[in-house]
């Protein structure tokens, strides 16, 4: 294997790690906040609708 192949594999390994971290954050925020924090979020209005509505989208 050449050095270029090793660098490419390392790049994609790091890239996939960041994608998985961001997907985990997205999941926690969208589902966690949308389900568990719906009532507190509904106290805030954004764009004419309750904030819990926007998280549920």
C-alpha atoms as a PDB file:
ATOM      1  CA  UNK A   1       0.000   0.000   0.000  1.00  0.00           C
ATOM      2  CA  UNK A   2       1.189   3.422  -0.775  1.00  0.00           C
ATOM      3  CA  UNK A   3       1.263   6.353   1.565  1.00  0.00           C
ATOM      4  CA  UNK A   4      -1.573   7.933  -0.416  1.00  0.00           C
ATOM      5  CA  UNK A   5      -3.811   4.900   0.207  1.00  0.00           C
ATOM      6  CA  UNK A   6      -3.066   5.033   3.935  1.00  0.00           C
ATOM      7  CA  UNK A   7      -3.857   8.742   4.086  1.00  0.00           C
ATOM      8  CA  UNK A   8      -7.096   8.200   2.189  1.00  0.00           C
ATOM      9  CA  UNK A   9      -8.171   5.427   4.571  1.00  0.00           C
ATOM     10  CA  UNK A  10      -7.280   7.574   7.571  1.00  0.00           C
ATOM     11  CA  UNK A  11      -9.247  10.481   6.091  1.00  0.00           C
ATOM     12  CA  UNK A  12     -12.360   8.367   5.605  1.00  0.00           C
ATOM     13  CA  UNK A  13     -12.028   6.795   9.049  1.00  0.00           C
ATOM     14  CA  UNK A  14     -11.987  10.273  10.621  1.00  0.00           C
ATOM     15  CA  UNK A  15     -14.773  11.449   8.336  1.00  0.00           C
ATOM     16  CA  UNK A  16     -17.041   8.525   9.263  1.00  0.00           C
ATOM     17  CA  UNK A  17     -16.304   9.147  12.949  1.00  0.00           C
ATOM     18  CA  UNK A  18     -17.486  12.756  12.639  1.00  0.00           C
ATOM     19  CA  UNK A  19     -20.572  11.724  10.678  1.00  0.00           C
ATOM     20  CA  UNK A  20     -21.528   9.184  13.353  1.00  0.00           C
ATOM     21  CA  UNK A  21     -21.024  11.726  16.136  1.00  0.00           C
ATOM     22  CA  UNK A  22     -23.181  14.277  14.325  1.00  0.00           C
ATOM     23  CA  UNK A  23     -25.882  11.673  13.641  1.00  0.00           C
ATOM     24  CA  UNK A  24     -25.938  10.776  17.334  1.00  0.00           C
ATOM     25  CA  UNK A  25     -26.329  14.451  18.268  1.00  0.00           C
ATOM     26  CA  UNK A  26     -29.093  14.847  15.673  1.00  0.00           C
ATOM     27  CA  UNK A  27     -30.902  11.797  17.033  1.00  0.00           C
ATOM     28  CA  UNK A  28     -30.696  12.959  20.647  1.00  0.00           C
ATOM     29  CA  UNK A  29     -31.837  16.477  19.856  1.00  0.00           C
ATOM     30  CA  UNK A  30     -34.637  15.627  17.455  1.00  0.00           C
ATOM     31  CA  UNK A  31     -36.098  12.588  19.195  1.00  0.00           C
ATOM     32  CA  UNK A  32     -35.024  13.278  22.750  1.00  0.00           C
ATOM     33  CA  UNK A  33     -36.181  16.884  22.812  1.00  0.00           C
ATOM     34  CA  UNK A  34     -39.249  16.153  20.688  1.00  0.00           C
ATOM     35  CA  UNK A  35     -40.475  13.405  23.018  1.00  0.00           C
ATOM     36  CA  UNK A  36     -39.103  14.030  26.491  1.00  0.00           C
ATOM     37  CA  UNK A  37     -38.988  17.819  26.492  1.00  0.00           C
ATOM     38  CA  UNK A  38     -42.159  18.484  24.476  1.00  0.00           C
ATOM     39  CA  UNK A  39     -44.036  20.232  27.288  1.00  0.00           C
ATOM     40  CA  UNK A  40     -41.271  22.708  28.226  1.00  0.00           C
ATOM     41  CA  UNK A  41     -40.597  23.387  24.543  1.00  0.00           C
ATOM     42  CA  UNK A  42     -44.281  24.108  23.916  1.00  0.00           C
ATOM     43  CA  UNK A  43     -44.013  27.101  26.242  1.00  0.00           C
ATOM     44  CA  UNK A  44     -41.884  28.801  23.565  1.00  0.00           C
ATOM     45  CA  UNK A  45     -43.436  29.959  20.303  1.00  0.00           C
ATOM     46  CA  UNK A  46     -41.378  30.180  17.113  1.00  0.00           C
ATOM     47  CA  UNK A  47     -42.737  31.090  13.689  1.00  0.00           C
ATOM     48  CA  UNK A  48     -46.317  31.113  14.950  1.00  0.00           C
ATOM     49  CA  UNK A  49     -46.170  27.549  16.292  1.00  0.00           C
ATOM     50  CA  UNK A  50     -45.016  25.953  19.502  1.00  0.00           C
ATOM     51  CA  UNK A  51     -41.344  24.988  19.544  1.00  0.00           C
ATOM     52  CA  UNK A  52     -42.247  21.370  20.345  1.00  0.00           C
ATOM     53  CA  UNK A  53     -44.003  21.249  16.965  1.00  0.00           C
ATOM     54  CA  UNK A  54     -40.806  22.236  15.177  1.00  0.00           C
ATOM     55  CA  UNK A  55     -38.777  19.593  16.995  1.00  0.00           C
ATOM     56  CA  UNK A  56     -41.387  16.981  16.082  1.00  0.00           C
ATOM     57  CA  UNK A  57     -41.001  17.835  12.409  1.00  0.00           C
END
